[in-house]
Amino acid sequence: MENFNNNNPEFDSSSNAIDKKNEKKKTKRIIKTYRDIATGALEGNPTSLAKMIIMEKKKRERKEKRSVNNPKNMFMVIVSVVLSILGVISITAIFIFINVKKENDLEMKKVHNIISSINYDYKKIVNIDKDDFKDVLKDGVKNSTLPIGGIKNIFLTKDGKNGYVQQIFAREFLISLDTRVPEQFIRNLRRKFSIGIVNTGVENKPFMVFETDNVDTSFLNLQTWEKSVLFDMGELFNVNRKYYTYSFESVRLFNQELRVILNDSGEVVFGYVFLNDNKILFFTDIRTLKIILERDKVIEKQ
């Protein structure tokens, strides 16, 4: 049986026309309208087109509110940046203030232009508002490690009214000891004096040096003080109490006129001597005297 459709030219033409028409329809549907998109988005959702438009509008409004281009947001951003900068500046200022205060506190605790009556190798600064000087001196004698002939000066300080640490000078120190030395001796004292420790080669020994403006008067004052000087300063120099009532004797040594207390073996346990430049040295050992004389170039080192 012959195929009628294939042999019919009219059928072919009609068929081609229908196909072309369908292709045009398909091509036209590729271009979708906003309604088509909205309708597709709404498929399966019970939301109306109007409601969707309102939601989209609100979404855009929220986006605009969060946008940096929004004047209000721009203002808030600027305020935040300014506050952040101010915060950093404040923290930096606090940090600088703390460091400056720390440096000032350290500076206030320093003692500037320390003065001493003799040359020394080592030093220790003691604040008598916080420490008992007598205990510090005793501890220094017992525990200081010095080379033979080494001298360690102990400088006394106190907290001043302005907050700065100040060095204590001779008159104030002697008054603080509450001694029975004549007032005239204190009035004649110069400001600088020295207290410290000398390594004699056997052990550490304490010493004290004052300076006077009037040697003759001070010598007479000290002779008056001899009766009670050990009661006033014996503990400070760690002198055995049994020698407190011993009398002073005059001894000449190293070309110097000494006033000393001797033990039963004829050894010096305490004494004083006037050195060059109006200095008065208190000591408990002849070797201490020799070392300080050599250091002060009163005698040549042997």
C-alpha atoms as a PDB file:
ATOM      1  CA  MET A   1       0.000   0.000   0.000  1.00  0.00           C
ATOM      2  CA  GLU A   2       1.379   3.366  -0.951  1.00  0.00           C
ATOM      3  CA  ASN A   3       2.124   6.068   1.672  1.00  0.00           C
ATOM      4  CA  PHE A   4      -0.311   8.794   0.889  1.00  0.00           C
ATOM      5  CA  ASN A   5       1.167  11.427   3.166  1.00  0.00           C
ATOM      6  CA  ASN A   6       4.599  11.209   1.674  1.00  0.00           C
ATOM      7  CA  ASN A   7       3.422  11.622  -1.821  1.00  0.00           C
ATOM      8  CA  ASN A   8       1.097  14.521  -1.127  1.00  0.00           C
ATOM      9  CA  PRO A   9       2.892  17.852  -1.749  1.00  0.00           C
ATOM     10  CA  GLU A  10       0.079  19.850  -0.190  1.00  0.00           C
ATOM     11  CA  PHE A  11       0.403  18.000   3.049  1.00  0.00           C
ATOM     12  CA  ASP A  12       4.148  18.782   3.241  1.00  0.00           C
ATOM     13  CA  SER A  13       3.618  22.462   2.752  1.00  0.00           C
ATOM     14  CA  SER A  14       0.885  22.635   5.308  1.00  0.00           C
ATOM     15  CA  SER A  15       2.958  20.694   7.766  1.00  0.00           C
ATOM     16  CA  ASN A  16       5.955  22.993   7.346  1.00  0.00           C
ATOM     17  CA  ALA A  17       3.826  26.055   7.848  1.00  0.00           C
ATOM     18  CA  ILE A  18       2.459  24.662  11.119  1.00  0.00           C
ATOM     19  CA  ASP A  19       6.000  23.860  12.351  1.00  0.00           C
ATOM     20  CA  LYS A  20       7.243  27.349  11.588  1.00  0.00           C
ATOM     21  CA  LYS A  21       4.294  28.872  13.382  1.00  0.00           C
ATOM     22  CA  ASN A  22       5.013  26.782  16.466  1.00  0.00           C
ATOM     23  CA  GLU A  23       8.706  27.785  16.393  1.00  0.00           C
ATOM     24  CA  LYS A  24       7.742  31.463  16.294  1.00  0.00           C
ATOM     25  CA  LYS A  25       5.490  30.922  19.294  1.00  0.00           C
ATOM     26  CA  LYS A  26       8.319  29.245  21.189  1.00  0.00           C
ATOM     27  CA  THR A  27      10.729  32.055  20.346  1.00  0.00           C
ATOM     28  CA  LYS A  28       8.307  34.676  21.505  1.00  0.00           C
ATOM     29  CA  ARG A  29       7.889  32.955  24.901  1.00  0.00           C
ATOM     30  CA  ILE A  30      11.625  33.213  25.635  1.00  0.00           C
ATOM     31  CA  ILE A  31      11.128  36.956  26.399  1.00  0.00           C
ATOM     32  CA  LYS A  32       9.362  36.977  29.788  1.00  0.00           C
ATOM     33  CA  THR A  33       7.634  39.932  31.374  1.00  0.00           C
ATOM     34  CA  TYR A  34       7.815  40.999  35.030  1.00  0.00           C
ATOM     35  CA  ARG A  35       4.374  39.426  35.445  1.00  0.00           C
ATOM     36  CA  ASP A  36       5.699  36.104  34.075  1.00  0.00           C
ATOM     37  CA  ILE A  37       8.570  36.187  36.561  1.00  0.00           C
ATOM     38  CA  ALA A  38       6.287  37.154  39.423  1.00  0.00           C
ATOM     39  CA  THR A  39       3.785  34.480  38.411  1.00  0.00           C
ATOM     40  CA  GLY A  40       6.602  31.883  38.317  1.00  0.00           C
ATOM     41  CA  ALA A  41       7.809  32.953  41.717  1.00  0.00           C
ATOM     42  CA  LEU A  42       4.312  32.693  43.111  1.00  0.00           C
ATOM     43  CA  GLU A  43       3.766  29.124  41.878  1.00  0.00           C
ATOM     44  CA  GLY A  44       3.206  26.922  44.844  1.00  0.00           C
ATOM     45  CA  ASN A  45       3.017  29.926  47.237  1.00  0.00           C
ATOM     46  CA  PRO A  46      -0.298  31.419  48.372  1.00  0.00           C
ATOM     47  CA  THR A  47       1.076  34.971  48.047  1.00  0.00           C
ATOM     48  CA  SER A  48      -0.572  37.578  45.894  1.00  0.00           C
ATOM     49  CA  LEU A  49       1.340  39.673  43.388  1.00  0.00           C
ATOM     50  CA  ALA A  50       0.452  42.878  45.247  1.00  0.00           C
ATOM     51  CA  LYS A  51       1.743  41.464  48.502  1.00  0.00           C
ATOM     52  CA  MET A  52       4.966  40.437  46.818  1.00  0.00           C
ATOM     53  CA  ILE A  53       5.459  43.941  45.435  1.00  0.00           C
ATOM     54  CA  ILE A  54       4.945  45.369  48.941  1.00  0.00           C
ATOM     55  CA  MET A  55       7.437  42.903  50.397  1.00  0.00           C
ATOM     56  CA  GLU A  56       9.994  43.794  47.723  1.00  0.00           C
ATOM     57  CA  LYS A  57       9.470  47.457  48.464  1.00  0.00           C
ATOM     58  CA  LYS A  58      10.039  46.901  52.191  1.00  0.00           C
ATOM     59  CA  LYS A  59      13.126  44.849  51.396  1.00  0.00           C
ATOM     60  CA  ARG A  60      14.520  47.731  49.364  1.00  0.00           C
ATOM     61  CA  GLU A  61      13.685  50.160  52.150  1.00  0.00           C
ATOM     62  CA  ARG A  62      15.536  47.998  54.677  1.00  0.00           C
ATOM     63  CA  LYS A  63      18.474  47.781  52.318  1.00  0.00           C
ATOM     64  CA  GLU A  64      18.500  51.552  51.905  1.00  0.00           C
ATOM     65  CA  LYS A  65      18.379  52.003  55.687  1.00  0.00           C
ATOM     66  CA  ARG A  66      21.454  49.810  56.064  1.00  0.00           C
ATOM     67  CA  SER A  67      23.221  51.415  53.135  1.00  0.00           C
ATOM     68  CA  VAL A  68      26.319  53.543  53.791  1.00  0.00           C
ATOM     69  CA  ASN A  69      24.923  56.087  51.345  1.00  0.00           C
ATOM     70  CA  ASN A  70      22.034  56.760  53.700  1.00  0.00           C
ATOM     71  CA  PRO A  71      22.702  60.153  55.363  1.00  0.00           C
ATOM     72  CA  LYS A  72      21.696  58.820  58.785  1.00  0.00           C
ATOM     73  CA  ASN A  73      23.982  55.824  58.426  1.00  0.00           C
ATOM     74  CA  MET A  74      26.754  58.048  57.138  1.00  0.00           C
ATOM     75  CA  PHE A  75      26.383  60.208  60.247  1.00  0.00           C
ATOM     76  CA  MET A  76      26.498  57.157  62.512  1.00  0.00           C
ATOM     77  CA  VAL A  77      29.571  55.842  60.711  1.00  0.00           C
ATOM     78  CA  ILE A  78      31.314  59.189  61.155  1.00  0.00           C
ATOM     79  CA  VAL A  79      30.318  59.302  64.840  1.00  0.00           C
ATOM     80  CA  SER A  80      31.593  55.736  65.338  1.00  0.00           C
ATOM     81  CA  VAL A  81      34.906  56.539  63.673  1.00  0.00           C
ATOM     82  CA  VAL A  82      35.301  59.706  65.738  1.00  0.00           C
ATOM     83  CA  LEU A  83      34.472  57.832  68.960  1.00  0.00           C
ATOM     84  CA  SER A  84      36.946  55.087  68.037  1.00  0.00           C
ATOM     85  CA  ILE A  85      39.669  57.658  67.413  1.00  0.00           C
ATOM     86  CA  LEU A  86      38.847  59.402  70.695  1.00  0.00           C
ATOM     87  CA  GLY A  87      38.973  56.029  72.450  1.00  0.00           C
ATOM     88  CA  VAL A  88      42.410  55.287  71.015  1.00  0.00           C
ATOM     89  CA  ILE A  89      43.592  58.783  71.970  1.00  0.00           C
ATOM     90  CA  SER A  90      42.224  58.337  75.505  1.00  0.00           C
ATOM     91  CA  ILE A  91      43.921  54.959  75.950  1.00  0.00           C
ATOM     92  CA  THR A  92      47.168  56.381  74.586  1.00  0.00           C
ATOM     93  CA  ALA A  93      46.871  59.390  76.903  1.00  0.00           C
ATOM     94  CA  ILE A  94      46.272  57.129  79.921  1.00  0.00           C
ATOM     95  CA  PHE A  95      49.240  54.972  78.949  1.00  0.00           C
ATOM     96  CA  ILE A  96      51.464  58.037  78.576  1.00  0.00           C
ATOM     97  CA  PHE A  97      50.183  59.450  81.893  1.00  0.00           C
ATOM     98  CA  ILE A  98      50.950  56.186  83.723  1.00  0.00           C
ATOM     99  CA  ASN A  99      54.459  56.034  82.244  1.00  0.00           C
ATOM    100  CA  VAL A 100      55.150  59.693  83.006  1.00  0.00           C
ATOM    101  CA  LYS A 101      53.870  59.247  86.566  1.00  0.00           C
ATOM    102  CA  LYS A 102      56.043  56.165  86.987  1.00  0.00           C
ATOM    103  CA  GLU A 103      59.069  58.073  85.709  1.00  0.00           C
ATOM    104  CA  ASN A 104      58.249  60.997  88.004  1.00  0.00           C
ATOM    105  CA  ASP A 105      57.878  58.654  90.988  1.00  0.00           C
ATOM    106  CA  LEU A 106      61.246  57.086  90.198  1.00  0.00           C
ATOM    107  CA  GLU A 107      62.770  60.540  89.773  1.00  0.00           C
ATOM    108  CA  MET A 108      61.328  61.658  93.101  1.00  0.00           C
ATOM    109  CA  LYS A 109      62.878  58.629  94.795  1.00  0.00           C
ATOM    110  CA  LYS A 110      66.321  59.460  93.449  1.00  0.00           C
ATOM    111  CA  VAL A 111      68.689  61.481  95.590  1.00  0.00           C
ATOM    112  CA  HIS A 112      70.513  64.017  93.470  1.00  0.00           C
ATOM    113  CA  ASN A 113      73.899  65.537  94.318  1.00  0.00           C
ATOM    114  CA  ILE A 114      74.729  63.153  97.150  1.00  0.00           C
ATOM    115  CA  ILE A 115      77.513  64.593  99.267  1.00  0.00           C
ATOM    116  CA  SER A 116      80.016  62.630 101.322  1.00  0.00           C
ATOM    117  CA  SER A 117      82.932  63.495 103.597  1.00  0.00           C
ATOM    118  CA  ILE A 118      85.215  60.755 102.266  1.00  0.00           C
ATOM    119  CA  ASN A 119      85.822  58.787  99.091  1.00  0.00           C
ATOM    120  CA  TYR A 120      84.035  55.452  98.917  1.00  0.00           C
ATOM    121  CA  ASP A 121      83.760  52.383  96.698  1.00  0.00           C
ATOM    122  CA  TYR A 122      80.165  51.339  97.298  1.00  0.00           C
ATOM    123  CA  LYS A 123      77.038  52.993  98.587  1.00  0.00           C
ATOM    124  CA  LYS A 124      73.671  52.160 100.087  1.00  0.00           C
ATOM    125  CA  ILE A 125      70.780  54.601 100.381  1.00  0.00           C
ATOM    126  CA  VAL A 126      68.497  54.160 103.378  1.00  0.00           C
ATOM    127  CA  ASN A 127      65.201  55.958 103.952  1.00  0.00           C
ATOM    128  CA  ILE A 128      64.932  56.428 107.713  1.00  0.00           C
ATOM    129  CA  ASP A 129      61.169  56.958 107.403  1.00  0.00           C
ATOM    130  CA  LYS A 130      60.922  53.291 106.415  1.00  0.00           C
ATOM    131  CA  ASP A 131      63.984  51.605 107.924  1.00  0.00           C
ATOM    132  CA  ASP A 132      65.742  51.671 111.286  1.00  0.00           C
ATOM    133  CA  PHE A 133      69.202  52.995 110.509  1.00  0.00           C
ATOM    134  CA  LYS A 134      70.817  51.206 113.447  1.00  0.00           C
ATOM    135  CA  ASP A 135      69.573  47.853 112.169  1.00  0.00           C
ATOM    136  CA  VAL A 136      70.731  48.699 108.627  1.00  0.00           C
ATOM    137  CA  LEU A 137      74.234  49.555 109.861  1.00  0.00           C
ATOM    138  CA  LYS A 138      74.470  46.398 111.967  1.00  0.00           C
ATOM    139  CA  ASP A 139      73.219  44.284 109.077  1.00  0.00           C
ATOM    140  CA  GLY A 140      75.715  45.985 106.767  1.00  0.00           C
ATOM    141  CA  VAL A 141      78.598  45.236 109.126  1.00  0.00           C
ATOM    142  CA  LYS A 142      77.521  41.614 109.390  1.00  0.00           C
ATOM    143  CA  ASN A 143      76.502  40.827 105.810  1.00  0.00           C
ATOM    144  CA  SER A 144      78.270  43.241 103.424  1.00  0.00           C
ATOM    145  CA  THR A 145      80.783  41.601 101.090  1.00  0.00           C
ATOM    146  CA  LEU A 146      83.619  44.056 100.441  1.00  0.00           C
ATOM    147  CA  PRO A 147      87.167  43.671  99.178  1.00  0.00           C
ATOM    148  CA  ILE A 148      89.940  44.272 101.699  1.00  0.00           C
ATOM    149  CA  GLY A 149      90.189  48.022 102.251  1.00  0.00           C
ATOM    150  CA  GLY A 150      86.838  48.588 100.554  1.00  0.00           C
ATOM    151  CA  ILE A 151      84.601  51.357 101.877  1.00  0.00           C
ATOM    152  CA  LYS A 152      80.816  51.321 101.700  1.00  0.00           C
ATOM    153  CA  ASN A 153      79.001  54.560 102.459  1.00  0.00           C
ATOM    154  CA  ILE A 154      75.456  54.512 103.800  1.00  0.00           C
ATOM    155  CA  PHE A 155      73.485  57.625 102.859  1.00  0.00           C
ATOM    156  CA  LEU A 156      70.436  58.529 104.914  1.00  0.00           C
ATOM    157  CA  THR A 157      67.354  60.015 103.291  1.00  0.00           C
ATOM    158  CA  LYS A 158      63.807  61.017 104.179  1.00  0.00           C
ATOM    159  CA  ASP A 159      60.635  61.888 102.290  1.00  0.00           C
ATOM    160  CA  GLY A 160      60.415  65.654 101.775  1.00  0.00           C
ATOM    161  CA  LYS A 161      57.255  67.774 101.872  1.00  0.00           C
ATOM    162  CA  ASN A 162      57.308  68.161  98.093  1.00  0.00           C
ATOM    163  CA  GLY A 163      57.381  64.393  97.624  1.00  0.00           C
ATOM    164  CA  TYR A 164      61.039  64.240  96.663  1.00  0.00           C
ATOM    165  CA  VAL A 165      63.499  62.178  98.661  1.00  0.00           C
ATOM    166  CA  GLN A 166      66.063  64.342 100.461  1.00  0.00           C
ATOM    167  CA  GLN A 167      69.440  63.506 101.953  1.00  0.00           C
ATOM    168  CA  ILE A 168      69.773  63.888 105.699  1.00  0.00           C
ATOM    169  CA  PHE A 169      72.730  65.980 106.802  1.00  0.00           C
ATOM    170  CA  ALA A 170      74.911  66.022 109.910  1.00  0.00           C
ATOM    171  CA  ARG A 171      72.928  68.251 112.263  1.00  0.00           C
ATOM    172  CA  GLU A 172      69.596  66.587 111.600  1.00  0.00           C
ATOM    173  CA  PHE A 173      71.144  63.147 111.967  1.00  0.00           C
ATOM    174  CA  LEU A 174      72.862  63.908 115.270  1.00  0.00           C
ATOM    175  CA  ILE A 175      69.673  65.484 116.649  1.00  0.00           C
ATOM    176  CA  SER A 176      67.696  62.397 115.586  1.00  0.00           C
ATOM    177  CA  LEU A 177      70.050  60.217 117.677  1.00  0.00           C
ATOM    178  CA  ASP A 178      68.988  62.220 120.755  1.00  0.00           C
ATOM    179  CA  THR A 179      72.551  62.448 122.035  1.00  0.00           C
ATOM    180  CA  ARG A 180      73.932  64.401 124.949  1.00  0.00           C
ATOM    181  CA  VAL A 181      76.583  66.158 122.855  1.00  0.00           C
ATOM    182  CA  PRO A 182      76.783  69.919 123.598  1.00  0.00           C
ATOM    183  CA  GLU A 183      74.506  72.036 121.404  1.00  0.00           C
ATOM    184  CA  GLN A 184      77.487  74.143 120.373  1.00  0.00           C
ATOM    185  CA  PHE A 185      79.074  71.075 118.717  1.00  0.00           C
ATOM    186  CA  ILE A 186      75.946  70.555 116.599  1.00  0.00           C
ATOM    187  CA  ARG A 187      75.810  74.224 115.606  1.00  0.00           C
ATOM    188  CA  ASN A 188      79.420  74.076 114.364  1.00  0.00           C
ATOM    189  CA  LEU A 189      78.831  71.024 112.152  1.00  0.00           C
ATOM    190  CA  ARG A 190      78.946  71.327 108.388  1.00  0.00           C
ATOM    191  CA  ARG A 191      76.230  69.727 106.328  1.00  0.00           C
ATOM    192  CA  LYS A 192      78.029  66.749 104.860  1.00  0.00           C
ATOM    193  CA  PHE A 193      79.053  63.714 106.852  1.00  0.00           C
ATOM    194  CA  SER A 194      79.619  60.023 106.212  1.00  0.00           C
ATOM    195  CA  ILE A 195      78.577  56.785 107.856  1.00  0.00           C
ATOM    196  CA  GLY A 196      79.582  53.398 106.580  1.00  0.00           C
ATOM    197  CA  ILE A 197      81.569  50.202 106.697  1.00  0.00           C
ATOM    198  CA  VAL A 198      85.237  49.380 106.086  1.00  0.00           C
ATOM    199  CA  ASN A 199      86.625  45.914 105.390  1.00  0.00           C
ATOM    200  CA  THR A 200      89.739  45.825 107.569  1.00  0.00           C
ATOM    201  CA  GLY A 201      90.979  42.551 106.093  1.00  0.00           C
ATOM    202  CA  VAL A 202      89.664  40.627 109.083  1.00  0.00           C
ATOM    203  CA  GLU A 203      86.072  41.815 109.308  1.00  0.00           C
ATOM    204  CA  ASN A 204      83.813  44.748 108.522  1.00  0.00           C
ATOM    205  CA  LYS A 205      83.920  47.672 110.926  1.00  0.00           C
ATOM    206  CA  PRO A 206      81.661  50.753 111.183  1.00  0.00           C
ATOM    207  CA  PHE A 207      82.823  54.366 110.994  1.00  0.00           C
ATOM    208  CA  MET A 208      81.399  57.888 111.089  1.00  0.00           C
ATOM    209  CA  VAL A 209      82.846  61.172 109.834  1.00  0.00           C
ATOM    210  CA  PHE A 210      81.668  64.685 110.735  1.00  0.00           C
ATOM    211  CA  GLU A 211      83.059  68.051 109.628  1.00  0.00           C
ATOM    212  CA  THR A 212      83.250  71.127 111.825  1.00  0.00           C
ATOM    213  CA  ASP A 213      83.767  74.831 111.273  1.00  0.00           C
ATOM    214  CA  ASN A 214      85.557  75.240 114.609  1.00  0.00           C
ATOM    215  CA  VAL A 215      88.141  72.599 115.522  1.00  0.00           C
ATOM    216  CA  ASP A 216      89.165  74.006 118.902  1.00  0.00           C
ATOM    217  CA  THR A 217      85.630  74.459 120.226  1.00  0.00           C
ATOM    218  CA  SER A 218      84.533  71.067 118.838  1.00  0.00           C
ATOM    219  CA  PHE A 219      87.484  69.368 120.535  1.00  0.00           C
ATOM    220  CA  LEU A 220      86.421  70.811 123.909  1.00  0.00           C
ATOM    221  CA  ASN A 221      82.804  69.815 123.214  1.00  0.00           C
ATOM    222  CA  LEU A 222      83.838  66.229 122.457  1.00  0.00           C
ATOM    223  CA  GLN A 223      85.864  65.976 125.660  1.00  0.00           C
ATOM    224  CA  THR A 224      82.709  66.974 127.509  1.00  0.00           C
ATOM    225  CA  TRP A 225      80.747  64.358 125.567  1.00  0.00           C
ATOM    226  CA  GLU A 226      83.257  61.559 126.340  1.00  0.00           C
ATOM    227  CA  LYS A 227      81.425  60.723 129.581  1.00  0.00           C
ATOM    228  CA  SER A 228      78.243  59.754 127.737  1.00  0.00           C
ATOM    229  CA  VAL A 229      79.222  59.226 124.100  1.00  0.00           C
ATOM    230  CA  LEU A 230      79.124  55.420 124.320  1.00  0.00           C
ATOM    231  CA  PHE A 231      75.727  55.553 126.036  1.00  0.00           C
ATOM    232  CA  ASP A 232      74.551  57.589 123.024  1.00  0.00           C
ATOM    233  CA  MET A 233      76.352  55.769 120.205  1.00  0.00           C
ATOM    234  CA  GLY A 234      77.761  52.535 121.665  1.00  0.00           C
ATOM    235  CA  GLU A 235      74.870  50.453 120.325  1.00  0.00           C
ATOM    236  CA  LEU A 236      75.242  52.030 116.889  1.00  0.00           C
ATOM    237  CA  PHE A 237      78.924  51.021 116.792  1.00  0.00           C
ATOM    238  CA  ASN A 238      78.235  47.635 118.415  1.00  0.00           C
ATOM    239  CA  VAL A 239      80.571  48.349 121.356  1.00  0.00           C
ATOM    240  CA  ASN A 240      80.359  45.970 124.281  1.00  0.00           C
ATOM    241  CA  ARG A 241      78.464  47.645 127.128  1.00  0.00           C
ATOM    242  CA  LYS A 242      81.165  46.798 129.641  1.00  0.00           C
ATOM    243  CA  TYR A 243      83.323  49.537 128.069  1.00  0.00           C
ATOM    244  CA  TYR A 244      80.698  52.254 128.466  1.00  0.00           C
ATOM    245  CA  THR A 245      82.221  53.454 131.729  1.00  0.00           C
ATOM    246  CA  TYR A 246      85.862  53.230 130.602  1.00  0.00           C
ATOM    247  CA  SER A 247      87.743  56.496 130.314  1.00  0.00           C
ATOM    248  CA  PHE A 248      89.249  57.916 127.131  1.00  0.00           C
ATOM    249  CA  GLU A 249      93.003  58.122 126.738  1.00  0.00           C
ATOM    250  CA  SER A 250      95.221  60.139 124.429  1.00  0.00           C
ATOM    251  CA  VAL A 251      97.289  58.077 121.976  1.00  0.00           C
ATOM    252  CA  ARG A 252      99.503  59.257 119.133  1.00  0.00           C
ATOM    253  CA  LEU A 253      99.450  57.042 116.040  1.00  0.00           C
ATOM    254  CA  PHE A 254     100.015  57.623 112.297  1.00  0.00           C
ATOM    255  CA  ASN A 255     101.145  61.092 113.272  1.00  0.00           C
ATOM    256  CA  GLN A 256      97.652  61.761 114.622  1.00  0.00           C
ATOM    257  CA  GLU A 257      96.465  62.601 118.146  1.00  0.00           C
ATOM    258  CA  LEU A 258      93.748  60.081 119.035  1.00  0.00           C
ATOM    259  CA  ARG A 259      91.279  59.940 121.885  1.00  0.00           C
ATOM    260  CA  VAL A 260      90.447  56.262 122.475  1.00  0.00           C
ATOM    261  CA  ILE A 261      89.015  53.673 124.845  1.00  0.00           C
ATOM    262  CA  LEU A 262      91.257  50.622 125.221  1.00  0.00           C
ATOM    263  CA  ASN A 263      90.293  47.147 126.345  1.00  0.00           C
ATOM    264  CA  ASP A 264      92.237  45.188 128.934  1.00  0.00           C
ATOM    265  CA  SER A 265      94.658  44.018 126.211  1.00  0.00           C
ATOM    266  CA  GLY A 266      95.448  47.568 125.145  1.00  0.00           C
ATOM    267  CA  GLU A 267      93.411  47.333 121.903  1.00  0.00           C
ATOM    268  CA  VAL A 268      91.191  50.156 120.685  1.00  0.00           C
ATOM    269  CA  VAL A 269      87.458  49.467 121.085  1.00  0.00           C
ATOM    270  CA  PHE A 270      86.266  53.000 120.322  1.00  0.00           C
ATOM    271  CA  GLY A 271      87.843  56.342 119.540  1.00  0.00           C
ATOM    272  CA  TYR A 272      87.821  59.589 117.594  1.00  0.00           C
ATOM    273  CA  VAL A 273      90.414  61.744 115.872  1.00  0.00           C
ATOM    274  CA  PHE A 274      90.556  65.106 114.100  1.00  0.00           C
ATOM    275  CA  LEU A 275      91.799  64.718 110.526  1.00  0.00           C
ATOM    276  CA  ASN A 276      92.802  67.314 107.956  1.00  0.00           C
ATOM    277  CA  ASP A 277      90.124  69.672 106.632  1.00  0.00           C
ATOM    278  CA  ASN A 278      88.314  69.788 109.981  1.00  0.00           C
ATOM    279  CA  LYS A 279      87.085  66.198 109.789  1.00  0.00           C
ATOM    280  CA  ILE A 280      86.249  64.164 112.898  1.00  0.00           C
ATOM    281  CA  LEU A 281      86.425  60.390 112.482  1.00  0.00           C
ATOM    282  CA  PHE A 282      84.756  57.978 114.932  1.00  0.00           C
ATOM    283  CA  PHE A 283      86.022  54.388 114.666  1.00  0.00           C
ATOM    284  CA  THR A 284      86.282  51.058 116.536  1.00  0.00           C
ATOM    285  CA  ASP A 285      89.447  49.605 114.992  1.00  0.00           C
ATOM    286  CA  ILE A 286      92.920  51.009 114.282  1.00  0.00           C
ATOM    287  CA  ARG A 287      92.862  49.358 110.842  1.00  0.00           C
ATOM    288  CA  THR A 288      89.726  51.348 110.001  1.00  0.00           C
ATOM    289  CA  LEU A 289      91.590  54.516 110.857  1.00  0.00           C
ATOM    290  CA  LYS A 290      94.569  53.538 108.686  1.00  0.00           C
ATOM    291  CA  ILE A 291      92.414  52.704 105.644  1.00  0.00           C
ATOM    292  CA  ILE A 292      90.508  55.991 105.847  1.00  0.00           C
ATOM    293  CA  LEU A 293      93.704  57.979 106.366  1.00  0.00           C
ATOM    294  CA  GLU A 294      95.192  56.353 103.282  1.00  0.00           C
ATOM    295  CA  ARG A 295      91.991  56.932 101.297  1.00  0.00           C
ATOM    296  CA  ASP A 296      91.891  60.537 102.433  1.00  0.00           C
ATOM    297  CA  LYS A 297      95.601  60.869 101.564  1.00  0.00           C
ATOM    298  CA  VAL A 298      96.423  61.969 105.070  1.00  0.00           C
ATOM    299  CA  ILE A 299      99.130  59.290 105.081  1.00  0.00           C
ATOM    300  CA  GLU A 300     100.742  57.550 102.148  1.00  0.00           C
ATOM    301  CA  LYS A 301      99.660  53.963 101.558  1.00  0.00           C
ATOM    302  CA  GLN A 302     102.438  51.569 102.605  1.00  0.00           C
END
